[in-house]
Amino acid sequence: SLHILNRANMPTSNEYGTIDYVPPVGPLEIRWRLMKKPKQVEWIPDGGDLKWSWANGILSATVPSVGIHGVVVVH
């Protein structure tokens, strides 16, 4: 039997169905081990600085929402 996971929160067909909407997820907590404290942490493509902290060589940041993709840029 075929089981389909519907993450679109709307009706979809079991056969030949397509999903034209991917619901965003978040917020997401990320952690990276870094050699030194960053000067800035950005979220691309939405732009703007992320809420972040750095302690004991670990960068902790919160990405508010991810649609399809995004990039965390650490300066």
N, C-alpha and C. Protein backbone atom coordinates (compact mmCIF):
# COMPACT_ATOMS: atom_id res chain seq x y z
N SER A 1 0.84 -1.18 0.00
CA SER A 1 0.00 0.00 0.00
C SER A 1 0.88 1.24 0.00
N LEU A 2 0.38 2.31 -0.56
CA LEU A 2 1.11 3.56 -0.69
C LEU A 2 0.65 4.53 0.39
N HIS A 3 1.60 5.08 1.15
CA HIS A 3 1.29 6.07 2.18
C HIS A 3 1.95 7.38 1.80
N ILE A 4 1.19 8.44 1.81
CA ILE A 4 1.70 9.76 1.44
C ILE A 4 1.60 10.67 2.65
N LEU A 5 2.68 11.35 2.96
CA LEU A 5 2.69 12.33 4.03
C LEU A 5 2.30 13.69 3.46
N ASN A 6 1.22 14.23 3.96
CA ASN A 6 0.71 15.52 3.47
C ASN A 6 1.17 16.62 4.41
N ARG A 7 2.24 17.37 4.03
CA ARG A 7 2.73 18.48 4.85
C ARG A 7 2.20 19.82 4.35
N ALA A 8 1.34 19.82 3.36
CA ALA A 8 0.84 21.06 2.80
C ALA A 8 -0.38 21.59 3.55
N ASN A 9 -0.93 20.81 4.47
CA ASN A 9 -2.12 21.20 5.24
C ASN A 9 -3.30 21.57 4.34
N MET A 10 -3.43 20.85 3.24
CA MET A 10 -4.57 21.01 2.34
C MET A 10 -4.75 19.70 1.60
N PRO A 11 -5.94 19.46 1.05
CA PRO A 11 -6.16 18.19 0.35
C PRO A 11 -5.21 18.01 -0.83
N THR A 12 -4.70 16.80 -0.99
CA THR A 12 -3.87 16.47 -2.15
C THR A 12 -4.30 15.11 -2.68
N SER A 13 -4.04 14.88 -3.93
CA SER A 13 -4.39 13.63 -4.58
C SER A 13 -3.38 12.55 -4.21
N ASN A 14 -3.84 11.31 -4.07
CA ASN A 14 -2.94 10.19 -3.82
C ASN A 14 -2.17 9.78 -5.06
N GLU A 15 -2.74 10.06 -6.24
CA GLU A 15 -2.08 9.70 -7.49
C GLU A 15 -1.85 10.96 -8.31
N TYR A 16 -0.66 11.09 -8.81
CA TYR A 16 -0.29 12.19 -9.70
C TYR A 16 -0.50 13.56 -9.04
N GLY A 17 -0.44 13.59 -7.76
CA GLY A 17 -0.64 14.85 -7.06
C GLY A 17 0.64 15.66 -6.99
N THR A 18 0.49 16.94 -6.99
CA THR A 18 1.63 17.83 -6.79
C THR A 18 1.31 18.77 -5.64
N ILE A 19 2.32 19.19 -4.97
CA ILE A 19 2.16 20.17 -3.90
C ILE A 19 2.80 21.46 -4.39
N ASP A 20 2.03 22.52 -4.45
CA ASP A 20 2.57 23.80 -4.93
C ASP A 20 2.81 24.77 -3.78
N TYR A 21 2.72 24.26 -2.55
CA TYR A 21 2.96 25.10 -1.38
C TYR A 21 3.69 24.29 -0.33
N VAL A 22 4.78 24.82 0.16
CA VAL A 22 5.52 24.19 1.25
C VAL A 22 5.39 25.10 2.46
N PRO A 23 4.74 24.61 3.52
CA PRO A 23 4.55 25.48 4.68
C PRO A 23 5.88 25.76 5.37
N PRO A 24 6.07 26.98 5.84
CA PRO A 24 7.31 27.30 6.55
C PRO A 24 7.36 26.59 7.91
N VAL A 25 8.57 26.35 8.37
CA VAL A 25 8.79 25.77 9.70
C VAL A 25 9.62 26.74 10.52
N GLY A 26 9.52 26.63 11.81
CA GLY A 26 10.34 27.47 12.67
C GLY A 26 9.56 27.90 13.89
N PRO A 27 10.21 28.50 14.79
CA PRO A 27 11.62 28.88 14.77
C PRO A 27 12.54 27.67 14.96
N LEU A 28 13.77 27.79 14.45
CA LEU A 28 14.77 26.73 14.56
C LEU A 28 15.97 27.24 15.34
N GLU A 29 16.43 26.45 16.27
CA GLU A 29 17.63 26.77 17.04
C GLU A 29 18.82 26.07 16.39
N ILE A 30 19.88 26.80 16.12
CA ILE A 30 21.09 26.20 15.55
C ILE A 30 22.26 26.47 16.49
N ARG A 31 23.23 25.56 16.46
CA ARG A 31 24.45 25.72 17.27
C ARG A 31 25.64 25.28 16.43
N TRP A 32 26.69 26.13 16.46
CA TRP A 32 27.94 25.82 15.76
C TRP A 32 29.11 26.08 16.69
N ARG A 33 30.08 25.17 16.64
CA ARG A 33 31.32 25.39 17.38
C ARG A 33 32.22 26.26 16.50
N LEU A 34 32.67 27.39 17.06
CA LEU A 34 33.50 28.34 16.31
C LEU A 34 34.76 28.68 17.10
N MET A 35 35.82 29.02 16.39
CA MET A 35 37.08 29.36 17.03
C MET A 35 37.04 30.72 17.72
N LYS A 36 36.26 31.66 17.15
CA LYS A 36 36.18 32.99 17.76
C LYS A 36 34.76 33.53 17.64
N LYS A 37 34.47 34.54 18.45
CA LYS A 37 33.14 35.14 18.48
C LYS A 37 32.84 35.86 17.17
N PRO A 38 31.69 35.60 16.56
CA PRO A 38 31.33 36.30 15.33
C PRO A 38 31.05 37.78 15.59
N LYS A 39 31.18 38.56 14.54
CA LYS A 39 30.82 39.98 14.61
C LYS A 39 29.36 40.19 14.24
N GLN A 40 28.85 39.31 13.36
CA GLN A 40 27.48 39.45 12.87
C GLN A 40 26.99 38.09 12.39
N VAL A 41 25.70 37.84 12.55
CA VAL A 41 25.07 36.62 12.05
C VAL A 41 23.80 37.04 11.32
N GLU A 42 23.71 36.69 10.03
CA GLU A 42 22.60 37.12 9.18
C GLU A 42 21.81 35.93 8.65
N TRP A 43 20.55 36.18 8.30
CA TRP A 43 19.69 35.19 7.67
C TRP A 43 19.37 35.68 6.26
N ILE A 44 19.74 34.90 5.26
CA ILE A 44 19.51 35.22 3.85
C ILE A 44 18.56 34.17 3.29
N PRO A 45 17.52 34.44 2.57
CA PRO A 45 17.26 35.62 1.77
C PRO A 45 16.42 36.69 2.45
N ASP A 46 15.85 36.41 3.62
CA ASP A 46 14.95 37.39 4.25
C ASP A 46 15.68 38.63 4.73
N GLY A 47 16.97 38.52 4.93
CA GLY A 47 17.76 39.66 5.36
C GLY A 47 17.64 39.92 6.84
N GLY A 48 18.53 40.73 7.31
CA GLY A 48 18.49 41.10 8.72
C GLY A 48 19.34 40.20 9.60
N ASP A 49 19.67 40.76 10.75
CA ASP A 49 20.48 40.02 11.72
C ASP A 49 19.61 39.03 12.48
N LEU A 50 20.21 37.91 12.84
CA LEU A 50 19.53 36.92 13.66
C LEU A 50 19.78 37.21 15.13
N LYS A 51 18.88 36.75 15.97
CA LYS A 51 19.10 36.77 17.40
C LYS A 51 20.12 35.65 17.69
N TRP A 52 21.26 36.01 18.33
CA TRP A 52 22.29 35.02 18.56
C TRP A 52 23.08 35.33 19.81
N SER A 53 23.80 34.30 20.27
CA SER A 53 24.72 34.46 21.41
C SER A 53 25.92 33.56 21.16
N TRP A 54 27.01 33.86 21.88
CA TRP A 54 28.23 33.07 21.74
C TRP A 54 28.82 32.87 23.13
N ALA A 55 29.06 31.61 23.49
CA ALA A 55 29.64 31.30 24.80
C ALA A 55 30.40 29.99 24.71
N ASN A 56 31.59 29.96 25.33
CA ASN A 56 32.41 28.74 25.37
C ASN A 56 32.66 28.15 23.99
N GLY A 57 32.85 29.02 22.99
CA GLY A 57 33.15 28.55 21.63
C GLY A 57 31.95 28.06 20.85
N ILE A 58 30.73 28.29 21.34
CA ILE A 58 29.51 27.83 20.66
C ILE A 58 28.66 29.04 20.27
N LEU A 59 28.35 29.13 18.98
CA LEU A 59 27.40 30.11 18.48
C LEU A 59 26.02 29.48 18.56
N SER A 60 25.08 30.15 19.20
CA SER A 60 23.68 29.72 19.24
C SER A 60 22.86 30.81 18.56
N ALA A 61 22.03 30.43 17.61
CA ALA A 61 21.23 31.40 16.87
C ALA A 61 19.82 30.84 16.67
N THR A 62 18.88 31.75 16.49
CA THR A 62 17.50 31.37 16.23
C THR A 62 17.10 31.86 14.85
N VAL A 63 16.73 30.92 13.99
CA VAL A 63 16.19 31.24 12.67
C VAL A 63 14.67 31.29 12.84
N PRO A 64 14.04 32.46 12.62
CA PRO A 64 12.62 32.58 12.92
C PRO A 64 11.72 31.69 12.07
N SER A 65 12.04 31.56 10.78
CA SER A 65 11.18 30.78 9.89
C SER A 65 11.95 30.39 8.63
N VAL A 66 11.72 29.16 8.15
CA VAL A 66 12.35 28.68 6.92
C VAL A 66 11.24 28.23 5.99
N GLY A 67 11.21 28.82 4.80
CA GLY A 67 10.25 28.38 3.78
C GLY A 67 10.84 27.18 3.04
N ILE A 68 11.41 27.41 1.89
CA ILE A 68 12.04 26.36 1.11
C ILE A 68 13.50 26.21 1.50
N HIS A 69 14.22 27.32 1.59
CA HIS A 69 15.64 27.27 1.90
C HIS A 69 16.08 28.63 2.46
N GLY A 70 17.26 28.65 3.00
CA GLY A 70 17.84 29.89 3.50
C GLY A 70 19.29 29.63 3.87
N VAL A 71 20.01 30.71 4.17
CA VAL A 71 21.43 30.60 4.49
C VAL A 71 21.72 31.44 5.72
N VAL A 72 22.45 30.85 6.66
CA VAL A 72 22.96 31.60 7.81
C VAL A 72 24.37 32.03 7.45
N VAL A 73 24.61 33.37 7.47
CA VAL A 73 25.91 33.92 7.14
C VAL A 73 26.54 34.42 8.44
N VAL A 74 27.76 33.91 8.73
CA VAL A 74 28.47 34.29 9.93
C VAL A 74 29.67 35.12 9.52
N HIS A 75 29.77 36.35 10.07
CA HIS A 75 30.88 37.24 9.77
C HIS A 75 31.81 37.26 10.96
